[in-house]
C-alpha atoms as a PDB file:
ATOM      1  CA  UNK A   1    -116.823 -62.519 -48.896  1.00  0.00           C
ATOM      2  CA  UNK A   2    -119.838 -64.675 -49.458  1.00  0.00           C
ATOM      3  CA  UNK A   3    -123.524 -64.669 -48.684  1.00  0.00           C
ATOM      4  CA  UNK A   4    -125.240 -67.633 -47.082  1.00  0.00           C
ATOM      5  CA  UNK A   5    -128.914 -68.193 -46.410  1.00  0.00           C
ATOM      6  CA  UNK A   6    -129.869 -70.064 -43.269  1.00  0.00           C
ATOM      7  CA  UNK A   7    -132.966 -70.747 -41.220  1.00  0.00           C
ATOM      8  CA  UNK A   8    -133.688 -72.612 -38.018  1.00  0.00           C
ATOM      9  CA  UNK A   9    -133.522 -76.022 -39.680  1.00  0.00           C
ATOM     10  CA  UNK A  10    -129.979 -75.283 -40.926  1.00  0.00           C
ATOM     11  CA  UNK A  11    -128.827 -74.596 -37.380  1.00  0.00           C
ATOM     12  CA  UNK A  12    -130.815 -77.478 -35.875  1.00  0.00           C
ATOM     13  CA  UNK A  13    -129.378 -79.956 -38.417  1.00  0.00           C
ATOM     14  CA  UNK A  14    -125.867 -78.742 -37.586  1.00  0.00           C
ATOM     15  CA  UNK A  15    -126.420 -79.256 -33.855  1.00  0.00           C
ATOM     16  CA  UNK A  16    -127.979 -82.696 -34.383  1.00  0.00           C
ATOM     17  CA  UNK A  17    -124.949 -83.836 -36.388  1.00  0.00           C
ATOM     18  CA  UNK A  18    -123.068 -84.790 -33.216  1.00  0.00           C
ATOM     19  CA  UNK A  19    -119.722 -85.515 -34.865  1.00  0.00           C
ATOM     20  CA  UNK A  20    -119.590 -82.289 -36.876  1.00  0.00           C
ATOM     21  CA  UNK A  21    -121.000 -80.119 -34.084  1.00  0.00           C
ATOM     22  CA  UNK A  22    -118.614 -81.511 -31.452  1.00  0.00           C
ATOM     23  CA  UNK A  23    -115.587 -81.067 -33.711  1.00  0.00           C
ATOM     24  CA  UNK A  24    -116.574 -77.468 -34.461  1.00  0.00           C
ATOM     25  CA  UNK A  25    -117.190 -76.643 -30.796  1.00  0.00           C
ATOM     26  CA  UNK A  26    -114.037 -78.473 -29.706  1.00  0.00           C
ATOM     27  CA  UNK A  27    -111.988 -76.435 -32.192  1.00  0.00           C
ATOM     28  CA  UNK A  28    -113.550 -73.219 -30.885  1.00  0.00           C
ATOM     29  CA  UNK A  29    -112.820 -74.298 -27.293  1.00  0.00           C
ATOM     30  CA  UNK A  30    -109.171 -75.015 -28.170  1.00  0.00           C
ATOM     31  CA  UNK A  31    -108.772 -71.596 -29.772  1.00  0.00           C
ATOM     32  CA  UNK A  32    -110.153 -69.924 -26.637  1.00  0.00           C
ATOM     33  CA  UNK A  33    -108.002 -71.959 -24.215  1.00  0.00           C
ATOM     34  CA  UNK A  34    -105.061 -69.568 -24.420  1.00  0.00           C
ATOM     35  CA  UNK A  35    -102.912 -71.234 -21.766  1.00  0.00           C
ATOM     36  CA  UNK A  36    -103.733 -74.767 -23.037  1.00  0.00           C
ATOM     37  CA  UNK A  37    -104.718 -76.104 -19.615  1.00  0.00           C
ATOM     38  CA  UNK A  38    -107.862 -77.837 -20.921  1.00  0.00           C
ATOM     39  CA  UNK A  39    -110.344 -75.472 -19.264  1.00  0.00           C
ATOM     40  CA  UNK A  40    -111.513 -71.925 -19.871  1.00  0.00           C
ATOM     41  CA  UNK A  41    -110.899 -69.410 -17.132  1.00  0.00           C
ATOM     42  CA  UNK A  42    -113.182 -66.481 -16.469  1.00  0.00           C
ATOM     43  CA  UNK A  43    -110.763 -64.164 -18.316  1.00  0.00           C
ATOM     44  CA  UNK A  44    -110.425 -66.497 -21.341  1.00  0.00           C
ATOM     45  CA  UNK A  45    -114.190 -66.737 -21.757  1.00  0.00           C
ATOM     46  CA  UNK A  46    -114.573 -63.003 -21.221  1.00  0.00           C
ATOM     47  CA  UNK A  47    -111.979 -62.242 -23.922  1.00  0.00           C
ATOM     48  CA  UNK A  48    -113.917 -64.466 -26.301  1.00  0.00           C
ATOM     49  CA  UNK A  49    -117.212 -62.700 -25.656  1.00  0.00           C
ATOM     50  CA  UNK A  50    -115.542 -59.276 -25.779  1.00  0.00           C
ATOM     51  CA  UNK A  51    -114.208 -60.143 -29.236  1.00  0.00           C
ATOM     52  CA  UNK A  52    -117.761 -60.927 -30.388  1.00  0.00           C
ATOM     53  CA  UNK A  53    -118.825 -57.451 -29.171  1.00  0.00           C
ATOM     54  CA  UNK A  54    -122.336 -58.784 -28.665  1.00  0.00           C
ATOM     55  CA  UNK A  55    -122.964 -56.677 -25.596  1.00  0.00           C
ATOM     56  CA  UNK A  56    -121.370 -53.490 -26.849  1.00  0.00           C
ATOM     57  CA  UNK A  57    -123.161 -52.966 -30.143  1.00  0.00           C
ATOM     58  CA  UNK A  58    -126.738 -52.652 -31.248  1.00  0.00           C
ATOM     59  CA  UNK A  59    -127.221 -53.517 -34.921  1.00  0.00           C
ATOM     60  CA  UNK A  60    -123.578 -52.623 -35.557  1.00  0.00           C
ATOM     61  CA  UNK A  61    -123.705 -49.257 -33.778  1.00  0.00           C
ATOM     62  CA  UNK A  62    -121.539 -48.858 -30.696  1.00  0.00           C
ATOM     63  CA  UNK A  63    -123.507 -48.487 -27.483  1.00  0.00           C
ATOM     64  CA  UNK A  64    -121.965 -46.934 -24.392  1.00  0.00           C
ATOM     65  CA  UNK A  65    -122.214 -49.440 -21.565  1.00  0.00           C
ATOM     66  CA  UNK A  66    -120.721 -48.789 -18.157  1.00  0.00           C
ATOM     67  CA  UNK A  67    -117.709 -51.046 -17.458  1.00  0.00           C
ATOM     68  CA  UNK A  68    -119.350 -52.261 -14.244  1.00  0.00           C
ATOM     69  CA  UNK A  69    -122.442 -53.345 -16.159  1.00  0.00           C
ATOM     70  CA  UNK A  70    -120.320 -55.158 -18.744  1.00  0.00           C
ATOM     71  CA  UNK A  71    -118.412 -56.911 -15.954  1.00  0.00           C
ATOM     72  CA  UNK A  72    -121.697 -58.085 -14.391  1.00  0.00           C
ATOM     73  CA  UNK A  73    -122.955 -59.333 -17.760  1.00  0.00           C
ATOM     74  CA  UNK A  74    -119.737 -61.209 -18.533  1.00  0.00           C
ATOM     75  CA  UNK A  75    -119.726 -62.702 -15.031  1.00  0.00           C
ATOM     76  CA  UNK A  76    -123.303 -63.933 -15.460  1.00  0.00           C
ATOM     77  CA  UNK A  77    -122.380 -65.512 -18.815  1.00  0.00           C
ATOM     78  CA  UNK A  78    -119.417 -67.261 -17.201  1.00  0.00           C
ATOM     79  CA  UNK A  79    -121.594 -68.533 -14.361  1.00  0.00           C
ATOM     80  CA  UNK A  80    -124.070 -69.946 -16.882  1.00  0.00           C
ATOM     81  CA  UNK A  81    -121.256 -71.868 -18.604  1.00  0.00           C
ATOM     82  CA  UNK A  82    -119.631 -72.990 -15.310  1.00  0.00           C
ATOM     83  CA  UNK A  83    -122.310 -75.541 -14.422  1.00  0.00           C
ATOM     84  CA  UNK A  84    -120.320 -77.245 -11.641  1.00  0.00           C
ATOM     85  CA  UNK A  85    -119.171 -73.924 -10.098  1.00  0.00           C
ATOM     86  CA  UNK A  86    -115.490 -74.948 -10.345  1.00  0.00           C
ATOM     87  CA  UNK A  87    -114.448 -71.447 -11.504  1.00  0.00           C
ATOM     88  CA  UNK A  88    -113.466 -72.901 -14.878  1.00  0.00           C
ATOM     89  CA  UNK A  89    -115.365 -74.175 -17.900  1.00  0.00           C
ATOM     90  CA  UNK A  90    -114.424 -77.612 -19.172  1.00  0.00           C
ATOM     91  CA  UNK A  91    -115.099 -78.924 -22.656  1.00  0.00           C
ATOM     92  CA  UNK A  92    -118.336 -80.709 -21.720  1.00  0.00           C
ATOM     93  CA  UNK A  93    -119.757 -77.583 -20.071  1.00  0.00           C
ATOM     94  CA  UNK A  94    -118.763 -75.522 -23.109  1.00  0.00           C
ATOM     95  CA  UNK A  95    -120.364 -78.014 -25.513  1.00  0.00           C
ATOM     96  CA  UNK A  96    -123.561 -78.108 -23.480  1.00  0.00           C
ATOM     97  CA  UNK A  97    -123.971 -74.334 -23.347  1.00  0.00           C
ATOM     98  CA  UNK A  98    -123.031 -73.847 -27.009  1.00  0.00           C
ATOM     99  CA  UNK A  99    -125.649 -76.455 -27.932  1.00  0.00           C
ATOM    100  CA  UNK A 100    -128.261 -74.512 -25.937  1.00  0.00           C
ATOM    101  CA  UNK A 101    -127.217 -71.231 -27.576  1.00  0.00           C
ATOM    102  CA  UNK A 102    -127.341 -72.687 -31.078  1.00  0.00           C
ATOM    103  CA  UNK A 103    -130.742 -74.289 -30.462  1.00  0.00           C
ATOM    104  CA  UNK A 104    -132.041 -70.959 -29.124  1.00  0.00           C
ATOM    105  CA  UNK A 105    -130.806 -69.318 -32.335  1.00  0.00           C
ATOM    106  CA  UNK A 106    -132.582 -72.046 -34.334  1.00  0.00           C
ATOM    107  CA  UNK A 107    -135.801 -71.425 -32.404  1.00  0.00           C
ATOM    108  CA  UNK A 108    -135.473 -67.689 -32.972  1.00  0.00           C
ATOM    109  CA  UNK A 109    -134.965 -68.123 -36.703  1.00  0.00           C
ATOM    110  CA  UNK A 110    -137.782 -70.630 -37.082  1.00  0.00           C
ATOM    111  CA  UNK A 111    -138.517 -71.231 -40.750  1.00  0.00           C
ATOM    112  CA  UNK A 112    -137.745 -67.649 -41.775  1.00  0.00           C
ATOM    113  CA  UNK A 113    -134.578 -67.620 -43.878  1.00  0.00           C
ATOM    114  CA  UNK A 114    -131.993 -64.912 -43.318  1.00  0.00           C
ATOM    115  CA  UNK A 115    -129.042 -63.821 -45.436  1.00  0.00           C
ATOM    116  CA  UNK A 116    -125.655 -63.475 -43.798  1.00  0.00           C
ATOM    117  CA  UNK A 117    -122.630 -61.837 -45.395  1.00  0.00           C
ATOM    118  CA  UNK A 118    -119.538 -63.652 -44.158  1.00  0.00           C
ATOM    119  CA  UNK A 119    -115.826 -63.401 -44.771  1.00  0.00           C
ATOM    120  CA  UNK A 120    -114.366 -66.446 -46.529  1.00  0.00           C
ATOM    121  CA  UNK A 121    -112.195 -67.229 -43.494  1.00  0.00           C
ATOM    122  CA  UNK A 122    -115.094 -66.904 -41.014  1.00  0.00           C
ATOM    123  CA  UNK A 123    -115.055 -69.863 -38.622  1.00  0.00           C
ATOM    124  CA  UNK A 124    -118.266 -69.063 -36.738  1.00  0.00           C
ATOM    125  CA  UNK A 125    -120.600 -71.895 -35.832  1.00  0.00           C
ATOM    126  CA  UNK A 126    -123.340 -70.345 -37.980  1.00  0.00           C
ATOM    127  CA  UNK A 127    -121.001 -70.361 -40.985  1.00  0.00           C
ATOM    128  CA  UNK A 128    -120.148 -73.989 -40.284  1.00  0.00           C
ATOM    129  CA  UNK A 129    -123.860 -74.804 -40.107  1.00  0.00           C
ATOM    130  CA  UNK A 130    -124.357 -73.176 -43.510  1.00  0.00           C
ATOM    131  CA  UNK A 131    -121.328 -75.035 -44.930  1.00  0.00           C
ATOM    132  CA  UNK A 132    -122.679 -78.364 -43.660  1.00  0.00           C
ATOM    133  CA  UNK A 133    -126.031 -77.718 -45.344  1.00  0.00           C
ATOM    134  CA  UNK A 134    -124.298 -76.676 -48.572  1.00  0.00           C
ATOM    135  CA  UNK A 135    -122.252 -79.885 -48.575  1.00  0.00           C
ATOM    136  CA  UNK A 136    -125.462 -81.923 -48.205  1.00  0.00           C
ATOM    137  CA  UNK A 137    -127.077 -80.044 -51.092  1.00  0.00           C
ATOM    138  CA  UNK A 138    -124.054 -80.628 -53.344  1.00  0.00           C
ATOM    139  CA  UNK A 139    -124.269 -84.356 -52.678  1.00  0.00           C
ATOM    140  CA  UNK A 140    -127.977 -84.466 -53.552  1.00  0.00           C
END
Protein backbone atom coordinates (compact mmCIF):
# COMPACT_ATOMS: atom_id res chain seq x y z
CA UNK A 1 0.00 0.00 0.00
CA UNK A 2 1.20 3.46 -0.78
CA UNK A 3 0.10 7.03 -0.30
CA UNK A 4 0.00 9.50 -3.16
CA UNK A 5 -0.73 13.21 -3.09
CA UNK A 6 -2.62 14.69 -6.02
CA UNK A 7 -4.40 17.90 -6.89
CA UNK A 8 -6.31 19.15 -9.89
CA UNK A 9 -3.17 19.86 -11.91
CA UNK A 10 -2.05 16.22 -11.50
CA UNK A 11 -5.31 15.00 -13.01
CA UNK A 12 -5.41 17.71 -15.69
CA UNK A 13 -1.82 16.92 -16.79
CA UNK A 14 -2.73 13.23 -17.04
CA UNK A 15 -5.75 13.98 -19.23
CA UNK A 16 -3.77 16.38 -21.44
CA UNK A 17 -1.12 13.72 -22.08
CA UNK A 18 -3.16 12.22 -24.93
CA UNK A 19 -0.99 9.15 -25.48
CA UNK A 20 -0.85 8.13 -21.82
CA UNK A 21 -4.49 8.98 -21.12
CA UNK A 22 -5.78 7.10 -24.17
CA UNK A 23 -3.71 4.01 -23.37
CA UNK A 24 -4.96 4.00 -19.78
CA UNK A 25 -8.60 4.46 -20.82
CA UNK A 26 -8.26 1.92 -23.64
CA UNK A 27 -6.89 -0.64 -21.17
CA UNK A 28 -9.80 0.04 -18.81
CA UNK A 29 -12.27 -0.30 -21.70
CA UNK A 30 -10.73 -3.65 -22.71
CA UNK A 31 -11.00 -4.97 -19.16
CA UNK A 32 -14.69 -4.01 -19.05
CA UNK A 33 -15.51 -5.50 -22.48
CA UNK A 34 -16.18 -8.97 -21.09
CA UNK A 35 -17.38 -10.55 -24.33
CA UNK A 36 -14.63 -8.85 -26.41
CA UNK A 37 -17.03 -7.48 -29.03
CA UNK A 38 -15.41 -4.02 -29.05
CA UNK A 39 -18.30 -2.21 -27.35
CA UNK A 40 -19.67 -2.03 -23.83
CA UNK A 41 -23.21 -3.23 -23.29
CA UNK A 42 -25.50 -1.78 -20.67
CA UNK A 43 -24.78 -4.77 -18.38
CA UNK A 44 -20.98 -4.54 -18.85
CA UNK A 45 -20.94 -0.85 -17.94
CA UNK A 46 -23.30 -1.46 -15.04
CA UNK A 47 -21.05 -4.22 -13.65
CA UNK A 48 -18.13 -1.81 -13.81
CA UNK A 49 -19.95 0.91 -11.90
CA UNK A 50 -21.34 -1.60 -9.40
CA UNK A 51 -17.78 -2.73 -8.67
CA UNK A 52 -16.82 0.88 -7.89
CA UNK A 53 -19.72 1.01 -5.39
CA UNK A 54 -19.90 4.76 -5.91
CA UNK A 55 -23.66 4.88 -5.59
CA UNK A 56 -23.98 2.47 -2.69
CA UNK A 57 -21.61 3.99 -0.15
CA UNK A 58 -21.24 7.34 1.52
CA UNK A 59 -17.70 7.95 2.79
CA UNK A 60 -17.18 4.19 2.99
CA UNK A 61 -20.39 3.46 4.89
CA UNK A 62 -22.99 1.34 3.14
CA UNK A 63 -26.17 3.20 2.28
CA UNK A 64 -29.42 1.37 1.62
CA UNK A 65 -30.63 2.33 -1.83
CA UNK A 66 -33.71 0.79 -3.39
CA UNK A 67 -32.84 -1.50 -6.32
CA UNK A 68 -35.19 0.47 -8.58
CA UNK A 69 -33.37 3.69 -7.77
CA UNK A 70 -30.00 2.07 -8.45
CA UNK A 71 -31.30 0.75 -11.77
CA UNK A 72 -32.45 4.26 -12.76
CA UNK A 73 -29.08 5.73 -11.78
CA UNK A 74 -27.11 3.11 -13.70
CA UNK A 75 -29.38 3.56 -16.72
CA UNK A 76 -28.81 7.33 -16.67
CA UNK A 77 -25.04 6.78 -16.49
CA UNK A 78 -25.21 4.42 -19.46
CA UNK A 79 -27.28 6.92 -21.44
CA UNK A 80 -24.69 9.62 -20.74
CA UNK A 81 -21.93 7.38 -22.12
CA UNK A 82 -24.02 6.18 -25.11
CA UNK A 83 -23.83 9.45 -27.04
CA UNK A 84 -25.14 8.04 -30.34
CA UNK A 85 -27.98 6.09 -28.65
CA UNK A 86 -26.83 2.80 -30.24
CA UNK A 87 -27.45 0.85 -27.00
CA UNK A 88 -23.71 0.21 -26.72
CA UNK A 89 -20.70 2.32 -25.78
CA UNK A 90 -17.79 2.29 -28.20
CA UNK A 91 -14.22 3.21 -27.35
CA UNK A 92 -14.52 6.82 -28.54
CA UNK A 93 -17.66 7.41 -26.45
CA UNK A 94 -15.95 5.84 -23.44
CA UNK A 95 -12.83 7.99 -23.89
CA UNK A 96 -14.91 11.14 -24.25
CA UNK A 97 -16.94 10.55 -21.10
CA UNK A 98 -13.93 9.43 -19.05
CA UNK A 99 -12.14 12.63 -20.12
CA UNK A 100 -15.13 14.67 -18.91
CA UNK A 101 -15.23 12.77 -15.61
CA UNK A 102 -11.50 13.20 -15.00
CA UNK A 103 -11.64 16.91 -15.83
CA UNK A 104 -14.59 17.32 -13.45
CA UNK A 105 -12.50 15.63 -10.75
CA UNK A 106 -9.63 18.02 -11.57
CA UNK A 107 -11.98 21.00 -11.27
CA UNK A 108 -13.31 19.69 -7.97
CA UNK A 109 -9.82 19.23 -6.55
CA UNK A 110 -8.58 22.60 -7.76
CA UNK A 111 -5.21 23.39 -6.22
CA UNK A 112 -6.02 21.68 -2.91
CA UNK A 113 -3.86 18.57 -2.57
CA UNK A 114 -5.38 15.38 -1.23
CA UNK A 115 -3.76 12.20 0.06
CA UNK A 116 -4.94 8.88 -1.30
CA UNK A 117 -4.03 5.49 0.16
CA UNK A 118 -3.83 3.02 -2.71
CA UNK A 119 -2.99 -0.64 -3.07
CA UNK A 120 0.20 -1.29 -5.04
CA UNK A 121 -1.77 -3.11 -7.75
CA UNK A 122 -4.40 -0.35 -8.05
CA UNK A 123 -4.98 0.45 -11.73
CA UNK A 124 -7.38 3.37 -11.27
CA UNK A 125 -7.02 6.39 -13.52
CA UNK A 126 -6.26 8.58 -10.49
CA UNK A 127 -3.40 6.26 -9.53
CA UNK A 128 -2.10 6.41 -13.09
CA UNK A 129 -2.28 10.21 -12.97
CA UNK A 130 -0.22 10.19 -9.77
CA UNK A 131 2.28 7.73 -11.31
CA UNK A 132 2.68 9.93 -14.39
CA UNK A 133 3.42 12.96 -12.20
CA UNK A 134 5.88 10.94 -10.10
CA UNK A 135 7.71 9.82 -13.24
CA UNK A 136 8.03 13.46 -14.35
CA UNK A 137 9.39 14.46 -10.95
CA UNK A 138 11.97 11.65 -11.00
CA UNK A 139 13.23 12.85 -14.37
CA UNK A 140 13.60 16.44 -13.14
